[in-house]
């Protein structure tokens, strides 16, 4: 049995197309997308349409990530439409506008997908962990914390969310963070996904890294209007693409509250943050 699991596409179409071509050449028995197909990138509609086409054509399975939830929250009647809170989340609002007519597809994505392995054990795929789609599994997650995050423990658990790949065995469970297709945060610019296969009565895994057309990915920020219409936060996203490092989380911990308190403008805070970086 062979499985391919990918996650955190973040509307990066060139990276998705490269990974999909590599997966097709490998010919797995199943392909699972572990969330965050859209948002935080310039081609949400095209990426959602691409995975939906693969779902119909090749049986790809989908899982909802926290960024699908962020986009769905933009449809709420009480979601802000102006002010600092709106500007911080303006790129999600832009994504919501781009997905006009496709929002029901996001709501249909399940929290997890489960398959039965060759020996009867469970193969489970979710976005972050069993504690929620924002509670991730990191390379430095302790054994004690990891046990909480995978309960009830399957034979194989695959996740994404952190944009940092790992392969780790805990007790009788192989835990794989498949990394990110569209925005890696481990300093390696290449798109990542996981190949898994059953061999000698055990699951084996490797993280595949692939070069893709990053020049085209950057140009999409301009060609789609993402850069022009998503507000200052998009500059952090572009820097994430260029550096393969997380930026929004670090900005949030230092600047979000001062921006909400109107002590500093969003644009000035991002300019200052990037200068410090």
C-alpha atoms as a PDB file:
ATOM      1  CA  UNK A   1       0.000   0.000   0.000  1.00  0.00           C
ATOM      2  CA  UNK A   2       1.306   3.450  -0.960  1.00  0.00           C
ATOM      3  CA  UNK A   3      -0.043   6.800   0.244  1.00  0.00           C
ATOM      4  CA  UNK A   4       0.752  10.412  -0.615  1.00  0.00           C
ATOM      5  CA  UNK A   5      -0.208  13.127   1.857  1.00  0.00           C
ATOM      6  CA  UNK A   6       0.162  16.841   1.164  1.00  0.00           C
ATOM      7  CA  UNK A   7      -0.895  19.913   3.125  1.00  0.00           C
ATOM      8  CA  UNK A   8      -0.653  23.681   3.431  1.00  0.00           C
ATOM      9  CA  UNK A   9      -0.905  24.583  -0.233  1.00  0.00           C
ATOM     10  CA  UNK A  10      -1.929  28.127   0.699  1.00  0.00           C
ATOM     11  CA  UNK A  11      -3.127  29.065  -2.778  1.00  0.00           C
ATOM     12  CA  UNK A  12       0.314  28.510  -4.332  1.00  0.00           C
ATOM     13  CA  UNK A  13      -0.656  27.035  -7.693  1.00  0.00           C
ATOM     14  CA  UNK A  14       2.830  26.441  -9.205  1.00  0.00           C
ATOM     15  CA  UNK A  15       3.883  24.494  -6.109  1.00  0.00           C
ATOM     16  CA  UNK A  16       0.661  22.445  -6.127  1.00  0.00           C
ATOM     17  CA  UNK A  17       1.008  21.562  -9.804  1.00  0.00           C
ATOM     18  CA  UNK A  18       4.606  20.429  -9.294  1.00  0.00           C
ATOM     19  CA  UNK A  19       3.716  18.243  -6.318  1.00  0.00           C
ATOM     20  CA  UNK A  20       0.683  16.760  -8.108  1.00  0.00           C
ATOM     21  CA  UNK A  21       2.808  15.778 -11.111  1.00  0.00           C
ATOM     22  CA  UNK A  22       5.341  14.079  -8.843  1.00  0.00           C
ATOM     23  CA  UNK A  23       2.578  12.217  -7.000  1.00  0.00           C
ATOM     24  CA  UNK A  24       1.012  11.045 -10.251  1.00  0.00           C
ATOM     25  CA  UNK A  25       4.355   9.641 -11.409  1.00  0.00           C
ATOM     26  CA  UNK A  26       4.745   7.765  -8.086  1.00  0.00           C
ATOM     27  CA  UNK A  27       1.254   6.232  -8.465  1.00  0.00           C
ATOM     28  CA  UNK A  28       0.079   5.852  -4.865  1.00  0.00           C
ATOM     29  CA  UNK A  29      -3.046   3.963  -3.898  1.00  0.00           C
ATOM     30  CA  UNK A  30      -4.514   7.043  -2.202  1.00  0.00           C
ATOM     31  CA  UNK A  31      -3.827  10.771  -1.987  1.00  0.00           C
ATOM     32  CA  UNK A  32      -4.981  12.886   0.950  1.00  0.00           C
ATOM     33  CA  UNK A  33      -4.845  16.682   1.213  1.00  0.00           C
ATOM     34  CA  UNK A  34      -4.512  17.587   4.884  1.00  0.00           C
ATOM     35  CA  UNK A  35      -6.000  21.070   4.834  1.00  0.00           C
ATOM     36  CA  UNK A  36      -5.142  24.710   4.071  1.00  0.00           C
ATOM     37  CA  UNK A  37      -5.714  24.499   0.347  1.00  0.00           C
ATOM     38  CA  UNK A  38      -6.710  28.177   0.269  1.00  0.00           C
ATOM     39  CA  UNK A  39      -5.834  31.503   1.924  1.00  0.00           C
ATOM     40  CA  UNK A  40      -2.460  33.125   2.591  1.00  0.00           C
ATOM     41  CA  UNK A  41      -1.711  33.020  -1.123  1.00  0.00           C
ATOM     42  CA  UNK A  42      -2.737  34.443  -4.507  1.00  0.00           C
ATOM     43  CA  UNK A  43      -4.510  31.575  -6.318  1.00  0.00           C
ATOM     44  CA  UNK A  44      -7.201  30.242  -3.944  1.00  0.00           C
ATOM     45  CA  UNK A  45      -9.898  29.623  -6.549  1.00  0.00           C
ATOM     46  CA  UNK A  46      -7.532  27.856  -8.931  1.00  0.00           C
ATOM     47  CA  UNK A  47      -6.051  25.664  -6.180  1.00  0.00           C
ATOM     48  CA  UNK A  48      -9.478  24.688  -4.852  1.00  0.00           C
ATOM     49  CA  UNK A  49     -10.650  23.863  -8.368  1.00  0.00           C
ATOM     50  CA  UNK A  50      -7.485  21.830  -8.950  1.00  0.00           C
ATOM     51  CA  UNK A  51      -7.908  19.622  -5.873  1.00  0.00           C
ATOM     52  CA  UNK A  52     -11.628  19.240  -6.585  1.00  0.00           C
ATOM     53  CA  UNK A  53     -10.780  18.047 -10.089  1.00  0.00           C
ATOM     54  CA  UNK A  54      -8.298  15.562  -8.612  1.00  0.00           C
ATOM     55  CA  UNK A  55     -10.967  14.472  -6.150  1.00  0.00           C
ATOM     56  CA  UNK A  56     -13.299  13.616  -9.019  1.00  0.00           C
ATOM     57  CA  UNK A  57     -10.660  12.233 -11.385  1.00  0.00           C
ATOM     58  CA  UNK A  58      -8.295  10.403  -9.061  1.00  0.00           C
ATOM     59  CA  UNK A  59     -10.200  10.028  -5.789  1.00  0.00           C
ATOM     60  CA  UNK A  60      -8.177  12.510  -3.751  1.00  0.00           C
ATOM     61  CA  UNK A  61      -9.486  12.899  -0.205  1.00  0.00           C
ATOM     62  CA  UNK A  62      -9.705  16.298   1.490  1.00  0.00           C
ATOM     63  CA  UNK A  63      -9.467  17.553   5.072  1.00  0.00           C
ATOM     64  CA  UNK A  64     -10.393  21.035   6.310  1.00  0.00           C
ATOM     65  CA  UNK A  65      -7.633  23.200   7.767  1.00  0.00           C
ATOM     66  CA  UNK A  66      -7.713  26.292   9.952  1.00  0.00           C
ATOM     67  CA  UNK A  67      -7.362  28.549   6.901  1.00  0.00           C
ATOM     68  CA  UNK A  68     -10.522  27.127   5.386  1.00  0.00           C
ATOM     69  CA  UNK A  69     -12.162  28.076   8.697  1.00  0.00           C
ATOM     70  CA  UNK A  70     -10.710  31.588   8.518  1.00  0.00           C
ATOM     71  CA  UNK A  71     -12.239  32.098   5.086  1.00  0.00           C
ATOM     72  CA  UNK A  72     -15.592  30.708   6.223  1.00  0.00           C
ATOM     73  CA  UNK A  73     -15.575  33.166   9.139  1.00  0.00           C
ATOM     74  CA  UNK A  74     -15.539  36.064   6.647  1.00  0.00           C
ATOM     75  CA  UNK A  75     -19.101  35.124   5.688  1.00  0.00           C
ATOM     76  CA  UNK A  76     -20.381  35.745   9.221  1.00  0.00           C
ATOM     77  CA  UNK A  77     -22.642  38.765   9.513  1.00  0.00           C
ATOM     78  CA  UNK A  78     -20.645  40.045  12.514  1.00  0.00           C
ATOM     79  CA  UNK A  79     -17.267  39.826  10.760  1.00  0.00           C
ATOM     80  CA  UNK A  80     -15.681  43.318  10.751  1.00  0.00           C
ATOM     81  CA  UNK A  81     -15.620  45.173   7.429  1.00  0.00           C
ATOM     82  CA  UNK A  82     -13.431  48.087   8.485  1.00  0.00           C
ATOM     83  CA  UNK A  83     -10.913  49.099  11.134  1.00  0.00           C
ATOM     84  CA  UNK A  84      -7.673  47.460  12.362  1.00  0.00           C
ATOM     85  CA  UNK A  85      -9.254  44.039  12.967  1.00  0.00           C
ATOM     86  CA  UNK A  86     -10.525  43.931   9.394  1.00  0.00           C
ATOM     87  CA  UNK A  87      -7.190  45.088   7.954  1.00  0.00           C
ATOM     88  CA  UNK A  88      -5.307  42.336   9.804  1.00  0.00           C
ATOM     89  CA  UNK A  89      -7.602  39.725   8.238  1.00  0.00           C
ATOM     90  CA  UNK A  90      -8.128  41.490   4.938  1.00  0.00           C
ATOM     91  CA  UNK A  91      -6.270  38.834   2.942  1.00  0.00           C
ATOM     92  CA  UNK A  92      -8.800  36.253   4.182  1.00  0.00           C
ATOM     93  CA  UNK A  93     -11.600  38.572   3.101  1.00  0.00           C
ATOM     94  CA  UNK A  94      -9.958  38.816  -0.340  1.00  0.00           C
ATOM     95  CA  UNK A  95      -9.832  35.021  -0.496  1.00  0.00           C
ATOM     96  CA  UNK A  96     -13.498  34.811   0.485  1.00  0.00           C
ATOM     97  CA  UNK A  97     -14.341  37.179  -2.375  1.00  0.00           C
ATOM     98  CA  UNK A  98     -12.276  35.120  -4.827  1.00  0.00           C
ATOM     99  CA  UNK A  99     -14.106  31.951  -3.782  1.00  0.00           C
ATOM    100  CA  UNK A 100     -17.546  33.389  -4.460  1.00  0.00           C
ATOM    101  CA  UNK A 101     -19.736  30.394  -5.292  1.00  0.00           C
ATOM    102  CA  UNK A 102     -17.247  27.852  -3.914  1.00  0.00           C
ATOM    103  CA  UNK A 103     -17.650  28.455  -0.168  1.00  0.00           C
ATOM    104  CA  UNK A 104     -19.939  25.393   0.319  1.00  0.00           C
ATOM    105  CA  UNK A 105     -17.011  23.206  -0.782  1.00  0.00           C
ATOM    106  CA  UNK A 106     -15.019  24.397   2.233  1.00  0.00           C
ATOM    107  CA  UNK A 107     -17.859  23.587   4.635  1.00  0.00           C
ATOM    108  CA  UNK A 108     -18.033  20.022   3.313  1.00  0.00           C
ATOM    109  CA  UNK A 109     -14.394  19.279   4.129  1.00  0.00           C
ATOM    110  CA  UNK A 110     -14.218  16.926   7.151  1.00  0.00           C
ATOM    111  CA  UNK A 111     -12.001  17.276  10.224  1.00  0.00           C
ATOM    112  CA  UNK A 112     -10.199  14.019   9.418  1.00  0.00           C
ATOM    113  CA  UNK A 113      -9.945  11.134   6.984  1.00  0.00           C
ATOM    114  CA  UNK A 114      -9.469   7.546   8.126  1.00  0.00           C
ATOM    115  CA  UNK A 115      -8.438   4.502   6.109  1.00  0.00           C
ATOM    116  CA  UNK A 116      -7.704   0.919   7.065  1.00  0.00           C
ATOM    117  CA  UNK A 117      -4.122  -0.244   6.616  1.00  0.00           C
ATOM    118  CA  UNK A 118      -2.926  -3.609   5.281  1.00  0.00           C
ATOM    119  CA  UNK A 119      -2.741  -5.126   8.787  1.00  0.00           C
ATOM    120  CA  UNK A 120      -6.031  -3.600   9.895  1.00  0.00           C
ATOM    121  CA  UNK A 121      -4.556  -0.627  11.737  1.00  0.00           C
ATOM    122  CA  UNK A 122      -5.999   2.849  11.283  1.00  0.00           C
ATOM    123  CA  UNK A 123      -4.478   5.402   8.923  1.00  0.00           C
ATOM    124  CA  UNK A 124      -5.646   8.824  10.096  1.00  0.00           C
ATOM    125  CA  UNK A 125      -5.061  12.212   8.499  1.00  0.00           C
ATOM    126  CA  UNK A 126      -6.057  15.513  10.091  1.00  0.00           C
ATOM    127  CA  UNK A 127      -4.794  19.039   9.701  1.00  0.00           C
ATOM    128  CA  UNK A 128      -2.959  19.810  12.963  1.00  0.00           C
ATOM    129  CA  UNK A 129      -3.748  17.204  15.641  1.00  0.00           C
ATOM    130  CA  UNK A 130      -6.660  15.486  17.327  1.00  0.00           C
ATOM    131  CA  UNK A 131      -6.872  18.468  19.702  1.00  0.00           C
ATOM    132  CA  UNK A 132      -7.966  20.806  16.910  1.00  0.00           C
ATOM    133  CA  UNK A 133      -6.878  22.200  13.576  1.00  0.00           C
ATOM    134  CA  UNK A 134      -4.705  24.894  15.207  1.00  0.00           C
ATOM    135  CA  UNK A 135      -2.948  22.671  17.781  1.00  0.00           C
ATOM    136  CA  UNK A 136       0.060  21.512  15.820  1.00  0.00           C
ATOM    137  CA  UNK A 137       2.751  18.869  16.133  1.00  0.00           C
ATOM    138  CA  UNK A 138       6.258  20.384  16.021  1.00  0.00           C
ATOM    139  CA  UNK A 139       9.743  18.823  15.988  1.00  0.00           C
ATOM    140  CA  UNK A 140      10.153  19.850  19.652  1.00  0.00           C
ATOM    141  CA  UNK A 141       6.746  18.554  20.829  1.00  0.00           C
ATOM    142  CA  UNK A 142       7.392  16.369  23.887  1.00  0.00           C
ATOM    143  CA  UNK A 143       6.339  12.723  24.059  1.00  0.00           C
ATOM    144  CA  UNK A 144       3.819  13.559  26.792  1.00  0.00           C
ATOM    145  CA  UNK A 145       2.220  16.303  24.729  1.00  0.00           C
ATOM    146  CA  UNK A 146       2.347  14.237  21.544  1.00  0.00           C
ATOM    147  CA  UNK A 147       0.417  11.406  23.186  1.00  0.00           C
ATOM    148  CA  UNK A 148      -2.353  13.876  23.990  1.00  0.00           C
ATOM    149  CA  UNK A 149      -2.367  15.208  20.432  1.00  0.00           C
ATOM    150  CA  UNK A 150      -2.748  11.805  18.725  1.00  0.00           C
ATOM    151  CA  UNK A 151      -5.334  10.144  20.996  1.00  0.00           C
ATOM    152  CA  UNK A 152      -6.874   7.752  20.254  1.00  0.00           C
ATOM    153  CA  UNK A 153      -3.554   6.613  18.839  1.00  0.00           C
ATOM    154  CA  UNK A 154      -3.739   5.089  15.314  1.00  0.00           C
ATOM    155  CA  UNK A 155      -1.098   3.028  13.546  1.00  0.00           C
ATOM    156  CA  UNK A 156      -0.266   5.991  11.300  1.00  0.00           C
ATOM    157  CA  UNK A 157      -1.080   9.670  11.820  1.00  0.00           C
ATOM    158  CA  UNK A 158      -0.335  12.331   9.196  1.00  0.00           C
ATOM    159  CA  UNK A 159      -0.723  16.057   9.816  1.00  0.00           C
ATOM    160  CA  UNK A 160       0.394  19.419   8.466  1.00  0.00           C
ATOM    161  CA  UNK A 161      -0.285  22.921   9.866  1.00  0.00           C
ATOM    162  CA  UNK A 162       3.171  23.795  11.268  1.00  0.00           C
ATOM    163  CA  UNK A 163       4.865  23.928   7.829  1.00  0.00           C
ATOM    164  CA  UNK A 164       7.751  21.990   9.409  1.00  0.00           C
ATOM    165  CA  UNK A 165       8.099  18.324   8.371  1.00  0.00           C
ATOM    166  CA  UNK A 166       8.951  15.480  10.711  1.00  0.00           C
ATOM    167  CA  UNK A 167       8.861  11.685  10.849  1.00  0.00           C
ATOM    168  CA  UNK A 168       8.662  10.244  14.370  1.00  0.00           C
ATOM    169  CA  UNK A 169       7.652   7.000  16.039  1.00  0.00           C
ATOM    170  CA  UNK A 170       5.906   7.158  19.399  1.00  0.00           C
ATOM    171  CA  UNK A 171       4.914   3.899  21.067  1.00  0.00           C
ATOM    172  CA  UNK A 172       3.148   1.987  18.258  1.00  0.00           C
ATOM    173  CA  UNK A 173       2.303   5.039  16.124  1.00  0.00           C
ATOM    174  CA  UNK A 174       4.209   6.499  13.202  1.00  0.00           C
ATOM    175  CA  UNK A 175       3.610  10.270  13.272  1.00  0.00           C
ATOM    176  CA  UNK A 176       4.355  12.240  10.107  1.00  0.00           C
ATOM    177  CA  UNK A 177       4.115  15.973   9.655  1.00  0.00           C
ATOM    178  CA  UNK A 178       4.105  16.264   5.882  1.00  0.00           C
ATOM    179  CA  UNK A 179       5.374  19.873   5.757  1.00  0.00           C
ATOM    180  CA  UNK A 180       3.998  22.500   3.409  1.00  0.00           C
ATOM    181  CA  UNK A 181       3.456  22.545  -0.326  1.00  0.00           C
ATOM    182  CA  UNK A 182       3.091  26.300  -0.649  1.00  0.00           C
ATOM    183  CA  UNK A 183       4.846  27.986   2.306  1.00  0.00           C
ATOM    184  CA  UNK A 184       7.563  25.916   4.025  1.00  0.00           C
ATOM    185  CA  UNK A 185       8.793  27.397   7.314  1.00  0.00           C
ATOM    186  CA  UNK A 186      11.908  25.283   7.835  1.00  0.00           C
ATOM    187  CA  UNK A 187      14.270  27.409   5.735  1.00  0.00           C
ATOM    188  CA  UNK A 188      13.958  25.102   2.712  1.00  0.00           C
ATOM    189  CA  UNK A 189      12.142  26.871  -0.136  1.00  0.00           C
ATOM    190  CA  UNK A 190      11.146  23.640  -1.887  1.00  0.00           C
ATOM    191  CA  UNK A 191       7.622  22.281  -1.776  1.00  0.00           C
ATOM    192  CA  UNK A 192       7.147  19.324   0.576  1.00  0.00           C
ATOM    193  CA  UNK A 193       4.861  16.324   0.766  1.00  0.00           C
ATOM    194  CA  UNK A 194       5.041  12.831   2.301  1.00  0.00           C
ATOM    195  CA  UNK A 195       5.256   9.427   0.665  1.00  0.00           C
ATOM    196  CA  UNK A 196       4.234   6.493   2.876  1.00  0.00           C
ATOM    197  CA  UNK A 197       4.322   2.781   2.154  1.00  0.00           C
ATOM    198  CA  UNK A 198       3.778  -0.514   3.958  1.00  0.00           C
ATOM    199  CA  UNK A 199       6.893  -2.678   4.090  1.00  0.00           C
ATOM    200  CA  UNK A 200       7.882  -5.616   6.296  1.00  0.00           C
ATOM    201  CA  UNK A 201       4.756  -5.173   8.414  1.00  0.00           C
ATOM    202  CA  UNK A 202       5.596  -1.550   9.214  1.00  0.00           C
ATOM    203  CA  UNK A 203       4.818   1.873   7.816  1.00  0.00           C
ATOM    204  CA  UNK A 204       7.735   3.667   6.178  1.00  0.00           C
ATOM    205  CA  UNK A 205       7.818   7.370   5.344  1.00  0.00           C
ATOM    206  CA  UNK A 206       9.899   9.955   3.561  1.00  0.00           C
ATOM    207  CA  UNK A 207       9.497  13.664   3.031  1.00  0.00           C
ATOM    208  CA  UNK A 208       9.882  14.635  -0.623  1.00  0.00           C
ATOM    209  CA  UNK A 209      11.198  18.129  -1.463  1.00  0.00           C
ATOM    210  CA  UNK A 210      10.646  19.578  -4.930  1.00  0.00           C
ATOM    211  CA  UNK A 211      11.847  22.694  -6.713  1.00  0.00           C
ATOM    212  CA  UNK A 212       9.100  24.630  -8.456  1.00  0.00           C
ATOM    213  CA  UNK A 213       8.698  27.923 -10.310  1.00  0.00           C
ATOM    214  CA  UNK A 214       8.941  30.400  -7.423  1.00  0.00           C
ATOM    215  CA  UNK A 215       9.317  33.311  -9.837  1.00  0.00           C
ATOM    216  CA  UNK A 216       5.864  32.529 -11.179  1.00  0.00           C
ATOM    217  CA  UNK A 217       4.539  32.140  -7.633  1.00  0.00           C
ATOM    218  CA  UNK A 218       5.762  35.657  -6.780  1.00  0.00           C
ATOM    219  CA  UNK A 219       4.346  37.078  -9.997  1.00  0.00           C
ATOM    220  CA  UNK A 220       0.943  35.690  -9.043  1.00  0.00           C
ATOM    221  CA  UNK A 221       0.905  38.099  -6.078  1.00  0.00           C
ATOM    222  CA  UNK A 222       0.783  40.908  -8.643  1.00  0.00           C
ATOM    223  CA  UNK A 223      -1.193  39.357 -11.494  1.00  0.00           C
ATOM    224  CA  UNK A 224      -4.158  38.312  -9.335  1.00  0.00           C
ATOM    225  CA  UNK A 225      -4.514  41.575  -7.415  1.00  0.00           C
ATOM    226  CA  UNK A 226      -3.575  39.815  -4.185  1.00  0.00           C
ATOM    227  CA  UNK A 227      -0.795  42.301  -3.450  1.00  0.00           C
ATOM    228  CA  UNK A 228      -2.862  45.356  -4.350  1.00  0.00           C
ATOM    229  CA  UNK A 229      -6.133  44.406  -2.634  1.00  0.00           C
ATOM    230  CA  UNK A 230      -5.215  42.384   0.476  1.00  0.00           C
ATOM    231  CA  UNK A 231      -3.713  45.108   2.635  1.00  0.00           C
ATOM    232  CA  UNK A 232      -0.302  45.382   4.323  1.00  0.00           C
ATOM    233  CA  UNK A 233      -0.320  41.832   5.757  1.00  0.00           C
ATOM    234  CA  UNK A 234       0.363  40.480   2.276  1.00  0.00           C
ATOM    235  CA  UNK A 235       3.929  41.812   2.572  1.00  0.00           C
ATOM    236  CA  UNK A 236       4.495  39.350   5.426  1.00  0.00           C
ATOM    237  CA  UNK A 237       3.139  36.517   3.289  1.00  0.00           C
ATOM    238  CA  UNK A 238       5.432  37.432   0.403  1.00  0.00           C
ATOM    239  CA  UNK A 239       8.378  37.476   2.798  1.00  0.00           C
ATOM    240  CA  UNK A 240       7.361  34.017   4.039  1.00  0.00           C
ATOM    241  CA  UNK A 241       7.477  32.774   0.461  1.00  0.00           C
ATOM    242  CA  UNK A 242      10.883  34.355  -0.126  1.00  0.00           C
ATOM    243  CA  UNK A 243      12.537  33.279   3.134  1.00  0.00           C
ATOM    244  CA  UNK A 244      10.780  29.972   3.940  1.00  0.00           C
ATOM    245  CA  UNK A 245      10.295  31.335   7.462  1.00  0.00           C
ATOM    246  CA  UNK A 246       7.183  32.086   9.483  1.00  0.00           C
ATOM    247  CA  UNK A 247       6.428  35.812   9.699  1.00  0.00           C
ATOM    248  CA  UNK A 248       2.742  36.316  10.558  1.00  0.00           C
ATOM    249  CA  UNK A 249       2.949  34.479  13.888  1.00  0.00           C
ATOM    250  CA  UNK A 250       6.006  36.440  15.010  1.00  0.00           C
ATOM    251  CA  UNK A 251       4.391  39.706  13.934  1.00  0.00           C
ATOM    252  CA  UNK A 252       1.228  38.788  15.827  1.00  0.00           C
ATOM    253  CA  UNK A 253       2.998  38.182  19.122  1.00  0.00           C
ATOM    254  CA  UNK A 254       4.735  41.576  19.007  1.00  0.00           C
ATOM    255  CA  UNK A 255       2.502  43.957  17.084  1.00  0.00           C
ATOM    256  CA  UNK A 256      -1.098  42.763  16.861  1.00  0.00           C
ATOM    257  CA  UNK A 257      -2.288  44.227  20.156  1.00  0.00           C
ATOM    258  CA  UNK A 258      -0.601  47.623  19.620  1.00  0.00           C
ATOM    259  CA  UNK A 259      -2.228  47.782  16.173  1.00  0.00           C
ATOM    260  CA  UNK A 260      -5.648  46.916  17.607  1.00  0.00           C
ATOM    261  CA  UNK A 261      -5.117  49.562  20.308  1.00  0.00           C
ATOM    262  CA  UNK A 262      -4.232  52.046  17.527  1.00  0.00           C
ATOM    263  CA  UNK A 263      -0.815  52.721  19.038  1.00  0.00           C
ATOM    264  CA  UNK A 264       0.786  52.069  15.642  1.00  0.00           C
ATOM    265  CA  UNK A 265      -0.649  51.663  12.158  1.00  0.00           C
ATOM    266  CA  UNK A 266      -0.692  48.242  10.566  1.00  0.00           C
ATOM    267  CA  UNK A 267       1.473  49.418   7.666  1.00  0.00           C
ATOM    268  CA  UNK A 268       4.073  50.979   9.974  1.00  0.00           C
ATOM    269  CA  UNK A 269       4.175  47.910  12.210  1.00  0.00           C
ATOM    270  CA  UNK A 270       4.867  45.629   9.255  1.00  0.00           C
ATOM    271  CA  UNK A 271       7.512  47.949   7.852  1.00  0.00           C
ATOM    272  CA  UNK A 272       9.215  48.019  11.241  1.00  0.00           C
ATOM    273  CA  UNK A 273       8.893  44.257  11.712  1.00  0.00           C
ATOM    274  CA  UNK A 274      10.427  43.446   8.315  1.00  0.00           C
ATOM    275  CA  UNK A 275      13.240  45.913   8.920  1.00  0.00           C
ATOM    276  CA  UNK A 276      14.027  44.096  12.180  1.00  0.00           C
ATOM    277  CA  UNK A 277      13.972  40.761  10.357  1.00  0.00           C
END
